[in-house]
Amino acid sequence: DPSRAAPVREAPAPQRESAGTSGTGFFVSRDGHVMTNHHVVKSCKTFEVSFAGGEKTPANVVARDAANDLALLRTSLKASALPAFTTRPRIGESVYAFGFPLVGMLSTSGNFTIGNITATAGLADDTRHLQISTPVQVGNSGGPLLDQFGNVTGVIVSKLNVTAAARVTGDMIQNVNFAIKSAIAVSFLDSNGISPNDTRKTQTLDPATIAEAAKDFTVLVTCR
């Protein structure tokens, strides 16, 4: 009976703009490499990146991993800081998302949200993903998920298909979102010759400081 089928993960459709799509990305090298989701860029021919409120700069896709929903862009734009990756997520730890959801509707300065890691696997125990309560919207895809030190612990990828879940459970499920584990992201970078920053921060930061730091390496990704 199809009506009894389990709800499926819905990768949020890349946010729609007037003539293309948009999502979020973040710098992973001093040479202008930006990581984002494959589903953000898969249907486009031209690409641009920009810091919050800044001018758009052309970018090119240099690597794709459709299976893990990751992509790597390269641009002449440079970040003033690079985040380190941490690969030891823990249930219950605070995590933060910075990105550019709902472009044209929400603030062009970016949006910062707070939540927790609620499971160390995704739907159907998908071990590539983290389940998080951190609120995300269309356009957050590809953005960094940060721990309490400001290190990247995941890449925002999707949210539960609430409509499909409601048909099965009769309830509107809240705050069930997913991120690709940083270990998957690091493996993708390694396979493409990129050595990510491995100097992890160890001092706990307040959320406002994490948000300010995220602005230095997170960009709006626009493609057409």
C-alpha atoms as a PDB file:
ATOM      1  CA  ASP A   1       0.000   0.000   0.000  1.00  0.00           C
ATOM      2  CA  PRO A   2       1.800   3.186  -1.164  1.00  0.00           C
ATOM      3  CA  SER A   3      -0.003   5.222   1.493  1.00  0.00           C
ATOM      4  CA  ARG A   4       1.887   3.263   4.154  1.00  0.00           C
ATOM      5  CA  ALA A   5       5.299   3.897   2.633  1.00  0.00           C
ATOM      6  CA  ALA A   6       7.906   5.473   4.895  1.00  0.00           C
ATOM      7  CA  PRO A   7       8.550   9.189   4.371  1.00  0.00           C
ATOM      8  CA  VAL A   8      11.542   9.850   2.142  1.00  0.00           C
ATOM      9  CA  ARG A   9      14.336  12.380   2.507  1.00  0.00           C
ATOM     10  CA  GLU A  10      13.760  15.455   0.402  1.00  0.00           C
ATOM     11  CA  ALA A  11      16.864  17.300  -0.725  1.00  0.00           C
ATOM     12  CA  PRO A  12      15.549  20.848  -0.735  1.00  0.00           C
ATOM     13  CA  ALA A  13      15.200  22.023  -4.295  1.00  0.00           C
ATOM     14  CA  PRO A  14      17.819  24.673  -4.935  1.00  0.00           C
ATOM     15  CA  GLN A  15      16.322  28.036  -4.131  1.00  0.00           C
ATOM     16  CA  ARG A  16      14.713  29.675  -7.136  1.00  0.00           C
ATOM     17  CA  GLU A  17      15.717  33.091  -8.352  1.00  0.00           C
ATOM     18  CA  SER A  18      14.449  34.986 -11.357  1.00  0.00           C
ATOM     19  CA  ALA A  19      16.652  33.193 -13.880  1.00  0.00           C
ATOM     20  CA  GLY A  20      18.399  30.393 -12.077  1.00  0.00           C
ATOM     21  CA  THR A  21      19.044  28.805  -8.724  1.00  0.00           C
ATOM     22  CA  SER A  22      20.985  29.607  -5.599  1.00  0.00           C
ATOM     23  CA  GLY A  23      22.388  27.935  -2.536  1.00  0.00           C
ATOM     24  CA  THR A  24      25.236  28.352  -0.085  1.00  0.00           C
ATOM     25  CA  GLY A  25      28.912  27.389  -0.176  1.00  0.00           C
ATOM     26  CA  PHE A  26      32.041  27.873   1.882  1.00  0.00           C
ATOM     27  CA  PHE A  27      35.740  28.229   1.167  1.00  0.00           C
ATOM     28  CA  VAL A  28      37.944  25.175   1.645  1.00  0.00           C
ATOM     29  CA  SER A  29      41.268  26.419   0.218  1.00  0.00           C
ATOM     30  CA  ARG A  30      43.370  29.547  -0.135  1.00  0.00           C
ATOM     31  CA  ASP A  31      43.218  29.040  -3.911  1.00  0.00           C
ATOM     32  CA  GLY A  32      39.553  29.960  -4.149  1.00  0.00           C
ATOM     33  CA  HIS A  33      37.918  26.533  -3.871  1.00  0.00           C
ATOM     34  CA  VAL A  34      34.343  26.580  -2.589  1.00  0.00           C
ATOM     35  CA  MET A  35      32.363  23.521  -1.472  1.00  0.00           C
ATOM     36  CA  THR A  36      28.607  23.268  -2.012  1.00  0.00           C
ATOM     37  CA  ASN A  37      25.982  20.627  -2.841  1.00  0.00           C
ATOM     38  CA  HIS A  38      25.846  18.916  -6.208  1.00  0.00           C
ATOM     39  CA  HIS A  39      22.092  19.509  -6.374  1.00  0.00           C
ATOM     40  CA  VAL A  40      22.705  23.271  -6.152  1.00  0.00           C
ATOM     41  CA  VAL A  41      24.779  23.376  -9.357  1.00  0.00           C
ATOM     42  CA  LYS A  42      23.757  20.299 -11.351  1.00  0.00           C
ATOM     43  CA  SER A  43      21.349  22.032 -13.765  1.00  0.00           C
ATOM     44  CA  CYS A  44      23.338  25.208 -14.435  1.00  0.00           C
ATOM     45  CA  LYS A  45      25.884  26.421 -16.981  1.00  0.00           C
ATOM     46  CA  THR A  46      27.244  29.584 -15.379  1.00  0.00           C
ATOM     47  CA  PHE A  47      28.112  30.182 -11.723  1.00  0.00           C
ATOM     48  CA  GLU A  48      28.831  33.103  -9.403  1.00  0.00           C
ATOM     49  CA  VAL A  49      29.730  33.428  -5.733  1.00  0.00           C
ATOM     50  CA  SER A  50      29.523  36.400  -3.388  1.00  0.00           C
ATOM     51  CA  PHE A  51      30.041  37.237   0.245  1.00  0.00           C
ATOM     52  CA  ALA A  52      27.124  38.666   2.217  1.00  0.00           C
ATOM     53  CA  GLY A  53      26.067  41.862   0.469  1.00  0.00           C
ATOM     54  CA  GLY A  54      29.084  41.726  -1.863  1.00  0.00           C
ATOM     55  CA  GLU A  55      29.531  41.692  -5.614  1.00  0.00           C
ATOM     56  CA  LYS A  56      29.134  38.443  -7.527  1.00  0.00           C
ATOM     57  CA  THR A  57      32.314  36.865  -8.920  1.00  0.00           C
ATOM     58  CA  PRO A  58      32.368  34.141 -11.634  1.00  0.00           C
ATOM     59  CA  ALA A  59      33.143  30.569 -10.599  1.00  0.00           C
ATOM     60  CA  ASN A  60      33.578  27.218 -12.340  1.00  0.00           C
ATOM     61  CA  VAL A  61      32.657  23.707 -11.231  1.00  0.00           C
ATOM     62  CA  VAL A  62      35.873  21.685 -10.983  1.00  0.00           C
ATOM     63  CA  ALA A  63      34.610  18.500  -9.295  1.00  0.00           C
ATOM     64  CA  ARG A  64      31.312  16.732  -8.631  1.00  0.00           C
ATOM     65  CA  ASP A  65      30.166  13.823  -6.490  1.00  0.00           C
ATOM     66  CA  ALA A  66      26.520  13.199  -7.291  1.00  0.00           C
ATOM     67  CA  ALA A  67      26.305  10.137  -5.016  1.00  0.00           C
ATOM     68  CA  ASN A  68      27.258  12.141  -1.912  1.00  0.00           C
ATOM     69  CA  ASP A  69      25.724  15.402  -3.198  1.00  0.00           C
ATOM     70  CA  LEU A  70      28.922  17.457  -3.127  1.00  0.00           C
ATOM     71  CA  ALA A  71      30.504  19.818  -5.632  1.00  0.00           C
ATOM     72  CA  LEU A  72      33.644  21.920  -5.742  1.00  0.00           C
ATOM     73  CA  LEU A  73      33.806  25.358  -7.360  1.00  0.00           C
ATOM     74  CA  ARG A  74      36.804  27.551  -8.041  1.00  0.00           C
ATOM     75  CA  THR A  75      36.746  31.332  -8.146  1.00  0.00           C
ATOM     76  CA  SER A  76      39.148  34.263  -8.105  1.00  0.00           C
ATOM     77  CA  LEU A  77      37.447  35.441  -4.913  1.00  0.00           C
ATOM     78  CA  LYS A  78      39.456  34.736  -1.777  1.00  0.00           C
ATOM     79  CA  ALA A  79      38.398  34.182   1.820  1.00  0.00           C
ATOM     80  CA  SER A  80      40.068  35.975   4.700  1.00  0.00           C
ATOM     81  CA  ALA A  81      39.762  32.828   6.815  1.00  0.00           C
ATOM     82  CA  LEU A  82      39.336  29.091   6.297  1.00  0.00           C
ATOM     83  CA  PRO A  83      37.413  26.837   8.674  1.00  0.00           C
ATOM     84  CA  ALA A  84      38.900  23.597   9.934  1.00  0.00           C
ATOM     85  CA  PHE A  85      37.001  20.310   9.757  1.00  0.00           C
ATOM     86  CA  THR A  86      36.170  18.120  12.719  1.00  0.00           C
ATOM     87  CA  THR A  87      35.112  14.508  12.194  1.00  0.00           C
ATOM     88  CA  ARG A  88      33.870  13.503  15.640  1.00  0.00           C
ATOM     89  CA  PRO A  89      30.230  14.574  15.928  1.00  0.00           C
ATOM     90  CA  ARG A  90      28.383  13.832  19.163  1.00  0.00           C
ATOM     91  CA  ILE A  91      24.666  13.533  19.804  1.00  0.00           C
ATOM     92  CA  GLY A  92      23.430  16.525  21.738  1.00  0.00           C
ATOM     93  CA  GLU A  93      26.220  18.932  20.870  1.00  0.00           C
ATOM     94  CA  SER A  94      25.257  22.404  19.745  1.00  0.00           C
ATOM     95  CA  VAL A  95      25.616  23.086  16.031  1.00  0.00           C
ATOM     96  CA  TYR A  96      25.102  26.201  13.955  1.00  0.00           C
ATOM     97  CA  ALA A  97      24.222  26.909  10.328  1.00  0.00           C
ATOM     98  CA  PHE A  98      25.096  30.032   8.374  1.00  0.00           C
ATOM     99  CA  GLY A  99      23.799  30.518   4.854  1.00  0.00           C
ATOM    100  CA  PHE A 100      21.626  32.331   2.362  1.00  0.00           C
ATOM    101  CA  PRO A 101      18.113  30.867   2.409  1.00  0.00           C
ATOM    102  CA  LEU A 102      15.167  32.331   0.516  1.00  0.00           C
ATOM    103  CA  VAL A 103      17.151  34.908  -1.440  1.00  0.00           C
ATOM    104  CA  GLY A 104      14.977  37.884  -2.318  1.00  0.00           C
ATOM    105  CA  MET A 105      12.843  37.323   0.773  1.00  0.00           C
ATOM    106  CA  LEU A 106      15.243  37.169   3.724  1.00  0.00           C
ATOM    107  CA  SER A 107      18.252  39.301   4.645  1.00  0.00           C
ATOM    108  CA  THR A 108      21.117  39.583   2.153  1.00  0.00           C
ATOM    109  CA  SER A 109      23.512  39.591   5.118  1.00  0.00           C
ATOM    110  CA  GLY A 110      22.903  35.869   5.609  1.00  0.00           C
ATOM    111  CA  ASN A 111      21.032  33.872   8.228  1.00  0.00           C
ATOM    112  CA  PHE A 112      22.383  32.122  11.318  1.00  0.00           C
ATOM    113  CA  THR A 113      20.467  29.385  13.137  1.00  0.00           C
ATOM    114  CA  ILE A 114      21.126  27.235  16.201  1.00  0.00           C
ATOM    115  CA  GLY A 115      20.261  23.623  17.052  1.00  0.00           C
ATOM    116  CA  ASN A 116      21.720  20.290  18.072  1.00  0.00           C
ATOM    117  CA  ILE A 117      22.891  17.033  16.561  1.00  0.00           C
ATOM    118  CA  THR A 118      19.923  14.756  17.218  1.00  0.00           C
ATOM    119  CA  ALA A 119      21.318  11.570  15.601  1.00  0.00           C
ATOM    120  CA  THR A 120      24.609  10.505  14.056  1.00  0.00           C
ATOM    121  CA  ALA A 121      22.850   8.903  11.081  1.00  0.00           C
ATOM    122  CA  GLY A 122      20.261  10.099   8.607  1.00  0.00           C
ATOM    123  CA  LEU A 123      17.070   8.519   7.274  1.00  0.00           C
ATOM    124  CA  ALA A 124      17.120   4.722   7.258  1.00  0.00           C
ATOM    125  CA  ASP A 125      20.372   4.894   9.232  1.00  0.00           C
ATOM    126  CA  ASP A 126      22.279   6.540   6.390  1.00  0.00           C
ATOM    127  CA  THR A 127      25.719   6.775   8.006  1.00  0.00           C
ATOM    128  CA  ARG A 128      26.873   9.505   5.629  1.00  0.00           C
ATOM    129  CA  HIS A 129      24.561  12.009   7.303  1.00  0.00           C
ATOM    130  CA  LEU A 130      23.872  13.726  10.608  1.00  0.00           C
ATOM    131  CA  GLN A 131      20.350  14.518  11.741  1.00  0.00           C
ATOM    132  CA  ILE A 132      20.099  18.026  13.174  1.00  0.00           C
ATOM    133  CA  SER A 133      17.463  20.240  14.747  1.00  0.00           C
ATOM    134  CA  THR A 134      19.161  23.379  13.408  1.00  0.00           C
ATOM    135  CA  PRO A 135      16.536  25.136  11.252  1.00  0.00           C
ATOM    136  CA  VAL A 136      17.367  25.287   7.533  1.00  0.00           C
ATOM    137  CA  GLN A 137      15.412  26.493   4.525  1.00  0.00           C
ATOM    138  CA  VAL A 138      15.641  26.333   0.751  1.00  0.00           C
ATOM    139  CA  GLY A 139      18.940  28.028  -0.100  1.00  0.00           C
ATOM    140  CA  ASN A 140      20.846  26.755   2.954  1.00  0.00           C
ATOM    141  CA  SER A 141      21.965  23.769   0.884  1.00  0.00           C
ATOM    142  CA  GLY A 142      25.752  23.499   0.690  1.00  0.00           C
ATOM    143  CA  GLY A 143      26.412  25.699   3.693  1.00  0.00           C
ATOM    144  CA  PRO A 144      28.619  24.838   6.672  1.00  0.00           C
ATOM    145  CA  LEU A 145      27.344  23.200   9.828  1.00  0.00           C
ATOM    146  CA  LEU A 146      29.593  24.468  12.615  1.00  0.00           C
ATOM    147  CA  ASP A 147      30.366  23.159  16.090  1.00  0.00           C
ATOM    148  CA  GLN A 148      30.772  25.212  19.281  1.00  0.00           C
ATOM    149  CA  PHE A 149      34.381  25.993  18.350  1.00  0.00           C
ATOM    150  CA  GLY A 150      33.571  27.207  14.832  1.00  0.00           C
ATOM    151  CA  ASN A 151      34.865  24.065  13.092  1.00  0.00           C
ATOM    152  CA  VAL A 152      32.917  22.476  10.220  1.00  0.00           C
ATOM    153  CA  THR A 153      31.220  19.281  11.356  1.00  0.00           C
ATOM    154  CA  GLY A 154      28.978  18.877   8.303  1.00  0.00           C
ATOM    155  CA  VAL A 155      27.572  20.299   5.070  1.00  0.00           C
ATOM    156  CA  ILE A 156      23.879  21.200   5.070  1.00  0.00           C
ATOM    157  CA  VAL A 157      22.091  19.025   2.518  1.00  0.00           C
ATOM    158  CA  SER A 158      18.369  18.490   3.127  1.00  0.00           C
ATOM    159  CA  LYS A 159      15.302  18.494   5.314  1.00  0.00           C
ATOM    160  CA  LEU A 160      12.624  15.886   5.876  1.00  0.00           C
ATOM    161  CA  ASN A 161       9.782  15.896   3.382  1.00  0.00           C
ATOM    162  CA  VAL A 162       7.247  17.114   5.926  1.00  0.00           C
ATOM    163  CA  THR A 163       4.260  16.687   3.603  1.00  0.00           C
ATOM    164  CA  ALA A 164       5.118  13.056   2.857  1.00  0.00           C
ATOM    165  CA  ALA A 165       5.780  12.382   6.530  1.00  0.00           C
ATOM    166  CA  ALA A 166       2.434  13.913   7.517  1.00  0.00           C
ATOM    167  CA  ARG A 167       0.590  11.573   5.168  1.00  0.00           C
ATOM    168  CA  VAL A 168       2.082   8.626   7.062  1.00  0.00           C
ATOM    169  CA  THR A 169       2.109   9.905  10.652  1.00  0.00           C
ATOM    170  CA  GLY A 170      -0.784  12.361  10.638  1.00  0.00           C
ATOM    171  CA  ASP A 171       1.514  14.895  12.292  1.00  0.00           C
ATOM    172  CA  MET A 172       3.566  17.836  11.017  1.00  0.00           C
ATOM    173  CA  ILE A 173       7.089  16.787  11.990  1.00  0.00           C
ATOM    174  CA  GLN A 174       9.384  19.648  13.004  1.00  0.00           C
ATOM    175  CA  ASN A 175      13.108  20.350  12.933  1.00  0.00           C
ATOM    176  CA  VAL A 176      14.258  17.170  11.185  1.00  0.00           C
ATOM    177  CA  ASN A 177      17.100  18.271   8.944  1.00  0.00           C
ATOM    178  CA  PHE A 178      20.266  16.663   7.625  1.00  0.00           C
ATOM    179  CA  ALA A 179      23.909  17.431   6.959  1.00  0.00           C
ATOM    180  CA  ILE A 180      26.604  15.456   5.157  1.00  0.00           C
ATOM    181  CA  LYS A 181      29.238  14.383   7.688  1.00  0.00           C
ATOM    182  CA  SER A 182      32.501  16.293   7.461  1.00  0.00           C
ATOM    183  CA  ALA A 183      34.414  12.999   7.033  1.00  0.00           C
ATOM    184  CA  ILE A 184      32.635  12.523   3.682  1.00  0.00           C
ATOM    185  CA  ALA A 185      33.452  16.113   2.702  1.00  0.00           C
ATOM    186  CA  VAL A 186      37.128  15.720   3.664  1.00  0.00           C
ATOM    187  CA  SER A 187      37.378  12.496   1.635  1.00  0.00           C
ATOM    188  CA  PHE A 188      35.890  14.327  -1.370  1.00  0.00           C
ATOM    189  CA  LEU A 189      38.444  17.120  -1.012  1.00  0.00           C
ATOM    190  CA  ASP A 190      41.330  14.679  -0.630  1.00  0.00           C
ATOM    191  CA  SER A 191      40.277  12.826  -3.770  1.00  0.00           C
ATOM    192  CA  ASN A 192      40.435  16.104  -5.679  1.00  0.00           C
ATOM    193  CA  GLY A 193      43.829  17.213  -4.421  1.00  0.00           C
ATOM    194  CA  ILE A 194      42.592  19.713  -1.850  1.00  0.00           C
ATOM    195  CA  SER A 195      44.160  19.616   1.609  1.00  0.00           C
ATOM    196  CA  PRO A 196      41.578  21.059   4.011  1.00  0.00           C
ATOM    197  CA  ASN A 197      42.539  23.148   6.995  1.00  0.00           C
ATOM    198  CA  ASP A 198      43.244  20.696   9.822  1.00  0.00           C
ATOM    199  CA  THR A 199      44.073  23.258  12.514  1.00  0.00           C
ATOM    200  CA  ARG A 200      40.962  22.777  14.601  1.00  0.00           C
ATOM    201  CA  LYS A 201      39.892  25.432  17.062  1.00  0.00           C
ATOM    202  CA  THR A 202      39.541  24.215  20.634  1.00  0.00           C
ATOM    203  CA  GLN A 203      38.198  27.275  22.448  1.00  0.00           C
ATOM    204  CA  THR A 204      34.438  27.400  22.922  1.00  0.00           C
ATOM    205  CA  LEU A 205      32.928  30.445  21.229  1.00  0.00           C
ATOM    206  CA  ASP A 206      29.650  32.200  21.838  1.00  0.00           C
ATOM    207  CA  PRO A 207      27.106  31.978  18.984  1.00  0.00           C
ATOM    208  CA  ALA A 208      27.534  35.616  17.935  1.00  0.00           C
ATOM    209  CA  THR A 209      31.281  35.118  17.473  1.00  0.00           C
ATOM    210  CA  ILE A 210      30.692  31.952  15.423  1.00  0.00           C
ATOM    211  CA  ALA A 211      28.230  33.829  13.222  1.00  0.00           C
ATOM    212  CA  GLU A 212      30.702  36.655  12.593  1.00  0.00           C
ATOM    213  CA  ALA A 213      33.464  34.183  11.745  1.00  0.00           C
ATOM    214  CA  ALA A 214      31.206  32.267   9.354  1.00  0.00           C
ATOM    215  CA  LYS A 215      30.642  35.408   7.285  1.00  0.00           C
ATOM    216  CA  ASP A 216      34.365  35.421   6.419  1.00  0.00           C
ATOM    217  CA  PHE A 217      34.274  32.094   4.575  1.00  0.00           C
ATOM    218  CA  THR A 218      30.629  31.484   3.573  1.00  0.00           C
ATOM    219  CA  VAL A 219      29.249  32.639   0.226  1.00  0.00           C
ATOM    220  CA  LEU A 220      26.036  32.800  -1.752  1.00  0.00           C
ATOM    221  CA  VAL A 221      26.247  30.490  -4.774  1.00  0.00           C
ATOM    222  CA  THR A 222      24.186  31.555  -7.765  1.00  0.00           C
ATOM    223  CA  CYS A 223      23.920  29.589 -10.985  1.00  0.00           C
ATOM    224  CA  ARG A 224      22.017  30.017 -14.234  1.00  0.00           C
END
